[in-house]
Amino acid sequence: MENQDLKGFILAILIIGLTLVFGIYLADTMHTNFLLPTAVTAVNETVTASTAGTGMAASLLADGSCGTITAVYNATANIAILAGNYTQTNCVLVNTTSEFLNAWLVSYPYTFSNETDSSTASGSLVTSLSGGSSWITILIVVGFAVIVLGMLSEGLGNAARGVGGMAPQYTY
């Protein structure tokens, strides 16, 4: 009878674990699907371009993707900087010359994935469940302790009674 209870407990832990993993996967998928693709144009974004490259603001957004730069001006003199003086790849602006070392005003279109109320809620759920809630950890440790102690007590009890080919070593 005790063995059946142990099997039921193990099965219950397995079902709870699988349900939790499935729920996290489902909520993560919902978070991604609820993001709203958004197209915007940056006008006169201040960027200090360098020969090593400088990330533009769109690079910091979720799924940020920059389009072709439409205009670049020297921020102090408001003089147009021609396209031969810079390159832009993956939202990183590189000054290809040693000229125009001060701040630039850059205009370009970009797209990104905007959060919605639904995506924020499902993302928060994933974060809270996958963060390793302490109560789940406690339940798992206690569950395994019950399993191990149950197996030990059953084995020691059988040994004391001489069940399963084990002869008792002591007489009571």
Protein backbone atom coordinates (compact mmCIF):
# COMPACT_ATOMS: atom_id res chain seq x y z
CA MET A 1 0.00 0.00 0.00
CA GLU A 2 2.79 2.40 0.91
CA ASN A 3 4.50 1.65 -2.41
CA GLN A 4 1.34 2.66 -4.31
CA ASP A 5 1.20 5.97 -2.42
CA LEU A 6 4.82 6.61 -3.39
CA LYS A 7 4.12 5.87 -7.06
CA GLY A 8 1.12 8.22 -6.97
CA PHE A 9 3.22 10.95 -5.41
CA ILE A 10 5.94 10.56 -8.05
CA LEU A 11 3.32 10.65 -10.82
CA ALA A 12 1.74 13.78 -9.32
CA ILE A 13 5.13 15.56 -9.18
CA LEU A 14 5.80 14.55 -12.80
CA ILE A 15 2.41 15.86 -13.98
CA ILE A 16 2.85 19.13 -12.07
CA GLY A 17 6.35 19.59 -13.55
CA LEU A 18 5.18 18.90 -17.09
CA THR A 19 2.24 21.28 -16.67
CA LEU A 20 4.57 24.00 -15.40
CA VAL A 21 7.02 23.58 -18.28
CA PHE A 22 4.18 23.54 -20.83
CA GLY A 23 2.68 26.69 -19.23
CA ILE A 24 6.02 28.53 -19.41
CA TYR A 25 6.44 27.53 -23.07
CA LEU A 26 2.90 28.61 -23.92
CA ALA A 27 3.23 31.96 -22.13
CA ASP A 28 6.57 32.64 -23.86
CA THR A 29 5.02 31.91 -27.26
CA MET A 30 2.11 34.21 -26.43
CA HIS A 31 4.55 36.96 -25.40
CA THR A 32 6.29 36.79 -28.76
CA ASN A 33 3.04 36.64 -30.75
CA PHE A 34 1.48 39.59 -28.91
CA LEU A 35 4.34 41.99 -29.76
CA LEU A 36 3.19 44.73 -32.14
CA PRO A 37 5.48 45.44 -35.12
CA THR A 38 5.93 49.22 -35.32
CA ALA A 39 7.52 51.42 -37.99
CA VAL A 40 8.85 54.83 -36.99
CA THR A 41 11.12 57.50 -38.44
CA ALA A 42 13.85 59.05 -36.32
CA VAL A 43 14.38 62.71 -37.21
CA ASN A 44 17.58 64.49 -36.16
CA GLU A 45 18.69 61.88 -33.64
CA THR A 46 21.91 63.10 -32.06
CA VAL A 47 24.72 60.61 -32.64
CA THR A 48 28.44 61.07 -32.08
CA ALA A 49 29.79 58.91 -34.87
CA SER A 50 33.23 57.37 -34.56
CA THR A 51 35.45 55.23 -36.75
CA ALA A 52 34.77 52.32 -34.37
CA GLY A 53 31.01 52.69 -34.81
CA THR A 54 28.22 54.05 -32.64
CA GLY A 55 24.91 52.34 -32.02
CA MET A 56 21.83 54.32 -32.90
CA ALA A 57 18.80 54.43 -30.58
CA ALA A 58 16.81 51.87 -32.59
CA SER A 59 19.47 49.22 -31.88
CA LEU A 60 18.39 49.19 -28.23
CA LEU A 61 14.75 48.32 -29.00
CA ALA A 62 13.27 44.81 -29.19
CA ASP A 63 13.90 43.50 -32.71
CA GLY A 64 15.17 46.96 -33.70
CA SER A 65 16.06 47.20 -37.38
CA CYS A 66 17.29 50.37 -39.09
CA GLY A 67 16.48 51.37 -42.64
CA THR A 68 18.60 53.44 -44.99
CA ILE A 69 19.71 56.77 -43.55
CA THR A 70 17.83 59.62 -45.21
CA ALA A 71 19.80 62.63 -43.91
CA VAL A 72 22.86 63.41 -41.81
CA TYR A 73 23.84 66.89 -40.66
CA ASN A 74 26.70 68.27 -38.61
CA ALA A 75 25.01 69.23 -35.33
CA THR A 76 27.05 72.36 -34.70
CA ALA A 77 27.15 73.91 -38.18
CA ASN A 78 24.00 72.25 -39.62
CA ILE A 79 25.98 71.24 -42.72
CA ALA A 80 24.91 68.14 -44.67
CA ILE A 81 27.29 65.18 -44.37
CA LEU A 82 27.40 63.17 -47.60
CA ALA A 83 26.80 59.40 -47.64
CA GLY A 84 30.43 58.69 -48.58
CA ASN A 85 31.50 59.85 -45.12
CA TYR A 86 29.61 57.16 -43.21
CA THR A 87 28.21 53.65 -43.33
CA GLN A 88 25.38 52.08 -41.35
CA THR A 89 25.03 48.37 -40.74
CA ASN A 90 22.67 46.79 -38.19
CA CYS A 91 21.94 50.20 -36.62
CA VAL A 92 25.64 50.95 -36.07
CA LEU A 93 26.82 54.23 -37.66
CA VAL A 94 30.50 54.37 -38.64
CA ASN A 95 32.36 57.56 -39.55
CA THR A 96 34.53 56.47 -42.50
CA THR A 97 36.60 59.67 -42.49
CA SER A 98 38.49 61.67 -39.91
CA GLU A 99 36.27 64.66 -40.62
CA PHE A 100 33.11 65.64 -38.77
CA LEU A 101 34.18 64.37 -35.34
CA ASN A 102 31.49 66.21 -33.41
CA ALA A 103 27.81 65.25 -32.96
CA TRP A 104 25.65 64.46 -35.98
CA LEU A 105 21.92 64.79 -36.54
CA VAL A 106 20.74 61.57 -38.21
CA SER A 107 17.34 60.81 -39.76
CA TYR A 108 16.35 57.25 -40.68
CA PRO A 109 13.36 54.89 -40.63
CA TYR A 110 13.34 51.91 -38.29
CA THR A 111 11.08 49.11 -37.11
CA PHE A 112 10.82 47.39 -33.76
CA SER A 113 8.53 45.12 -31.75
CA ASN A 114 6.41 47.20 -29.39
CA GLU A 115 5.07 45.75 -26.14
CA THR A 116 1.31 45.47 -25.69
CA ASP A 117 -0.58 44.85 -22.46
CA SER A 118 -0.97 41.18 -23.43
CA SER A 119 2.70 40.68 -24.27
CA THR A 120 3.77 42.40 -21.06
CA ALA A 121 1.46 40.21 -18.97
CA SER A 122 2.61 36.95 -20.57
CA GLY A 123 6.26 38.05 -20.39
CA SER A 124 5.86 38.81 -16.69
CA LEU A 125 4.34 35.36 -16.17
CA VAL A 126 7.30 33.68 -17.89
CA THR A 127 9.75 35.70 -15.81
CA SER A 128 8.03 34.89 -12.54
CA LEU A 129 7.62 31.16 -13.27
CA SER A 130 11.05 30.57 -14.77
CA GLY A 131 12.84 32.57 -12.10
CA GLY A 132 12.95 29.51 -9.87
CA SER A 133 10.31 30.33 -7.32
CA SER A 134 11.55 29.29 -3.91
CA TRP A 135 8.34 27.42 -3.01
CA ILE A 136 8.71 25.16 -6.06
CA THR A 137 12.27 24.36 -5.05
CA ILE A 138 11.15 23.58 -1.50
CA LEU A 139 8.38 21.27 -2.76
CA ILE A 140 10.81 19.39 -5.00
CA VAL A 141 13.37 18.94 -2.20
CA VAL A 142 10.71 17.81 0.28
CA GLY A 143 9.23 15.46 -2.34
CA PHE A 144 12.55 13.79 -3.02
CA ALA A 145 13.24 13.56 0.71
CA VAL A 146 9.89 11.78 1.18
CA ILE A 147 10.72 9.38 -1.64
CA VAL A 148 14.18 8.56 -0.26
CA LEU A 149 12.96 8.23 3.32
CA GLY A 150 10.03 6.08 2.17
CA MET A 151 12.35 3.75 0.29
CA LEU A 152 14.75 3.55 3.23
CA SER A 153 12.03 2.90 5.80
CA GLU A 154 10.40 0.25 3.60
CA GLY A 155 13.74 -1.47 3.02
CA LEU A 156 14.73 -1.36 6.67
CA GLY A 157 11.27 -2.51 7.75
CA ASN A 158 11.44 -5.48 5.36
CA ALA A 159 14.92 -6.34 6.59
CA ALA A 160 13.76 -6.29 10.21
CA ARG A 161 10.81 -8.58 9.42
CA GLY A 162 12.92 -10.89 7.26
CA VAL A 163 10.86 -10.19 4.13
CA GLY A 164 12.42 -10.52 0.68
CA GLY A 165 15.11 -13.03 1.57
CA MET A 166 16.62 -10.86 4.26
CA ALA A 167 17.09 -12.64 7.55
CA PRO A 168 16.86 -10.42 10.61
CA GLN A 169 20.21 -9.97 12.27
CA TYR A 170 18.78 -9.11 15.66
CA THR A 171 16.07 -10.64 17.78
CA TYR A 172 13.65 -8.38 19.56
